[in-house]
Structures are given as C-alpha cells and as structure tokens.
Amino acid sequence: MDKPPSPHCSSSSLFLVGRNSRGNWVVRDQKGLCGGLFVDRAEAVKFALFENGHRPQAVIMVPGILELDMSGKPAASGEATTGHAGADAQHALARAA
C-alpha cells in the first residue's frame, strides 16, 4: 500500500523534473517547498508522481538546467532554474495551470 504524500508537499502542486549543472536528476515542486536529487530519471519521475497524487499531467520535464535550492525558502515559479530552462519551465507551468 502506498503511503500518503509527505506533509511538506501538496498533491495540487506541479512538479518540475530535470537535470542540474552536475548532471544529477532534480525534482522540485513549483513552490520550492519539496524536492530531491535522484540517481536516474525513472526514480525522479516516480517521486514526483508519488508526491502529486499520481497525476502525470502535473509533472513537467524541464529542458535545460534545473537547480534544487535547499535553503528552505519558498521559490517563485522558475526561480530555482538557470539559463533558458527557467523561461521554458515558466511557460510550461503557465500552460499546465
């Protein structure tokens, strides 16, 4: 039996999935409150689906660099990304919302 999403993540959140500048797979919710680093894409997507209530339409693949900010401060949409990926993620979030 699956356990419920962690209390820090919201099942209504969109999740961004991509690679950071070191090549690690990154997942973070659009608010920057929940996320993690993963060894491969499959585990990253599995985590994102688990945390968002198994809604594939709420998982956005980011083409480019996606950095994970572990400072604990909520990030604005696209803030934890760099380069063109930030703009791409913001456009994807706008389309998905």
C-alpha atoms as a PDB file:
ATOM      1  CA  MET A   1       0.000   0.000   0.000  1.00  0.00           C
ATOM      2  CA  ASP A   2       1.309   3.464  -0.892  1.00  0.00           C
ATOM      3  CA  LYS A   3       1.767   5.925   1.916  1.00  0.00           C
ATOM      4  CA  PRO A   4       0.181   9.386   1.576  1.00  0.00           C
ATOM      5  CA  PRO A   5       2.211  12.277   0.131  1.00  0.00           C
ATOM      6  CA  SER A   6       4.603  13.878   2.603  1.00  0.00           C
ATOM      7  CA  PRO A   7       3.107  16.740   4.625  1.00  0.00           C
ATOM      8  CA  HIS A   8       5.556  19.217   3.049  1.00  0.00           C
ATOM      9  CA  CYS A   9       4.281  18.555  -0.465  1.00  0.00           C
ATOM     10  CA  SER A  10       0.900  19.414  -1.811  1.00  0.00           C
ATOM     11  CA  SER A  11      -0.974  16.983  -4.025  1.00  0.00           C
ATOM     12  CA  SER A  12      -2.130  20.007  -6.039  1.00  0.00           C
ATOM     13  CA  SER A  13       1.439  21.098  -6.869  1.00  0.00           C
ATOM     14  CA  LEU A  14       3.091  20.888 -10.229  1.00  0.00           C
ATOM     15  CA  PHE A  15       6.489  19.199 -10.114  1.00  0.00           C
ATOM     16  CA  LEU A  16       9.483  20.101 -12.265  1.00  0.00           C
ATOM     17  CA  VAL A  17      11.876  17.316 -13.281  1.00  0.00           C
ATOM     18  CA  GLY A  18      15.239  17.952 -14.922  1.00  0.00           C
ATOM     19  CA  ARG A  19      18.996  17.814 -14.512  1.00  0.00           C
ATOM     20  CA  ASN A  20      21.152  20.169 -12.502  1.00  0.00           C
ATOM     21  CA  SER A  21      24.508  21.573 -13.629  1.00  0.00           C
ATOM     22  CA  ARG A  22      26.278  18.448 -12.297  1.00  0.00           C
ATOM     23  CA  GLY A  23      24.059  16.052 -14.266  1.00  0.00           C
ATOM     24  CA  ASN A  24      22.011  14.824 -11.291  1.00  0.00           C
ATOM     25  CA  TRP A  25      18.256  14.386 -11.702  1.00  0.00           C
ATOM     26  CA  VAL A  26      16.309  17.008  -9.737  1.00  0.00           C
ATOM     27  CA  VAL A  27      12.663  17.191  -8.719  1.00  0.00           C
ATOM     28  CA  ARG A  28      11.055  20.183  -7.059  1.00  0.00           C
ATOM     29  CA  ASP A  29       7.522  21.411  -6.681  1.00  0.00           C
ATOM     30  CA  GLN A  30       6.618  24.742  -8.239  1.00  0.00           C
ATOM     31  CA  LYS A  31       6.648  26.464  -4.832  1.00  0.00           C
ATOM     32  CA  GLY A  32      10.136  25.226  -3.973  1.00  0.00           C
ATOM     33  CA  LEU A  33       8.932  23.547  -0.778  1.00  0.00           C
ATOM     34  CA  CYS A  34       9.524  19.912  -1.723  1.00  0.00           C
ATOM     35  CA  GLY A  35      12.027  18.094  -3.885  1.00  0.00           C
ATOM     36  CA  GLY A  36      15.129  15.978  -4.087  1.00  0.00           C
ATOM     37  CA  LEU A  37      18.105  14.653  -6.040  1.00  0.00           C
ATOM     38  CA  PHE A  38      17.890  11.286  -7.802  1.00  0.00           C
ATOM     39  CA  VAL A  39      20.270   8.860  -9.474  1.00  0.00           C
ATOM     40  CA  ASP A  40      18.120   8.440 -12.576  1.00  0.00           C
ATOM     41  CA  ARG A  41      15.138   9.867 -14.431  1.00  0.00           C
ATOM     42  CA  ALA A  42      12.836   6.965 -13.557  1.00  0.00           C
ATOM     43  CA  GLU A  43      13.283   7.474  -9.799  1.00  0.00           C
ATOM     44  CA  ALA A  44      12.814  11.240 -10.157  1.00  0.00           C
ATOM     45  CA  VAL A  45       9.538  10.809 -12.055  1.00  0.00           C
ATOM     46  CA  LYS A  46       8.384   8.114  -9.618  1.00  0.00           C
ATOM     47  CA  PHE A  47       8.933  10.527  -6.708  1.00  0.00           C
ATOM     48  CA  ALA A  48       7.139  13.390  -8.476  1.00  0.00           C
ATOM     49  CA  LEU A  49       4.145  11.172  -9.253  1.00  0.00           C
ATOM     50  CA  PHE A  50       4.013   9.835  -5.704  1.00  0.00           C
ATOM     51  CA  GLU A  51       4.122  13.311  -4.191  1.00  0.00           C
ATOM     52  CA  ASN A  52       1.479  14.799  -6.502  1.00  0.00           C
ATOM     53  CA  GLY A  53      -1.094  12.040  -6.117  1.00  0.00           C
ATOM     54  CA  HIS A  54      -0.126  10.098  -9.276  1.00  0.00           C
ATOM     55  CA  ARG A  55      -1.109  12.868 -11.712  1.00  0.00           C
ATOM     56  CA  PRO A  56       1.231  12.646 -14.748  1.00  0.00           C
ATOM     57  CA  GLN A  57      -0.221  15.878 -16.144  1.00  0.00           C
ATOM     58  CA  ALA A  58       1.299  17.685 -13.134  1.00  0.00           C
ATOM     59  CA  VAL A  59       4.885  16.594 -13.902  1.00  0.00           C
ATOM     60  CA  ILE A  60       6.821  18.994 -16.134  1.00  0.00           C
ATOM     61  CA  MET A  61      10.068  17.891 -17.765  1.00  0.00           C
ATOM     62  CA  VAL A  62      12.461  20.857 -17.854  1.00  0.00           C
ATOM     63  CA  PRO A  63      14.750  21.022 -20.912  1.00  0.00           C
ATOM     64  CA  GLY A  64      17.938  22.530 -19.534  1.00  0.00           C
ATOM     65  CA  ILE A  65      19.354  23.152 -16.082  1.00  0.00           C
ATOM     66  CA  LEU A  66      17.141  22.783 -13.008  1.00  0.00           C
ATOM     67  CA  GLU A  67      18.833  23.540  -9.689  1.00  0.00           C
ATOM     68  CA  LEU A  68      17.473  22.452  -6.320  1.00  0.00           C
ATOM     69  CA  ASP A  69      17.555  25.146  -3.632  1.00  0.00           C
ATOM     70  CA  MET A  70      17.769  23.522  -0.198  1.00  0.00           C
ATOM     71  CA  SER A  71      17.668  26.807   1.737  1.00  0.00           C
ATOM     72  CA  GLY A  72      14.103  26.198   2.888  1.00  0.00           C
ATOM     73  CA  LYS A  73      12.848  29.462   1.414  1.00  0.00           C
ATOM     74  CA  PRO A  74       9.880  29.134  -0.963  1.00  0.00           C
ATOM     75  CA  ALA A  75      10.956  29.992  -4.509  1.00  0.00           C
ATOM     76  CA  ALA A  76       8.962  31.885  -7.076  1.00  0.00           C
ATOM     77  CA  SER A  77       7.998  29.911 -10.173  1.00  0.00           C
ATOM     78  CA  GLY A  78      11.116  29.323 -12.291  1.00  0.00           C
ATOM     79  CA  GLU A  79      13.439  30.871  -9.699  1.00  0.00           C
ATOM     80  CA  ALA A  80      15.397  27.672  -8.990  1.00  0.00           C
ATOM     81  CA  THR A  81      16.313  27.245 -12.627  1.00  0.00           C
ATOM     82  CA  THR A  82      19.051  28.882 -14.625  1.00  0.00           C
ATOM     83  CA  GLY A  83      19.524  29.804 -18.261  1.00  0.00           C
ATOM     84  CA  HIS A  84      16.770  29.145 -20.770  1.00  0.00           C
ATOM     85  CA  ALA A  85      15.308  26.364 -18.640  1.00  0.00           C
ATOM     86  CA  GLY A  86      13.848  28.965 -16.279  1.00  0.00           C
ATOM     87  CA  ALA A  87      11.839  30.592 -19.040  1.00  0.00           C
ATOM     88  CA  ASP A  88      10.899  27.194 -20.504  1.00  0.00           C
ATOM     89  CA  ALA A  89       9.682  25.985 -17.106  1.00  0.00           C
ATOM     90  CA  GLN A  90       7.651  29.140 -16.545  1.00  0.00           C
ATOM     91  CA  HIS A  91       5.974  28.745 -19.940  1.00  0.00           C
ATOM     92  CA  ALA A  92       5.270  25.062 -19.221  1.00  0.00           C
ATOM     93  CA  LEU A  93       3.795  25.931 -15.821  1.00  0.00           C
ATOM     94  CA  ALA A  94       1.620  28.627 -17.381  1.00  0.00           C
ATOM     95  CA  ARG A  95       0.305  26.145 -19.968  1.00  0.00           C
ATOM     96  CA  ALA A  96      -0.318  23.463 -17.332  1.00  0.00           C
ATOM     97  CA  ALA A  97      -2.138  25.766 -14.903  1.00  0.00           C
END
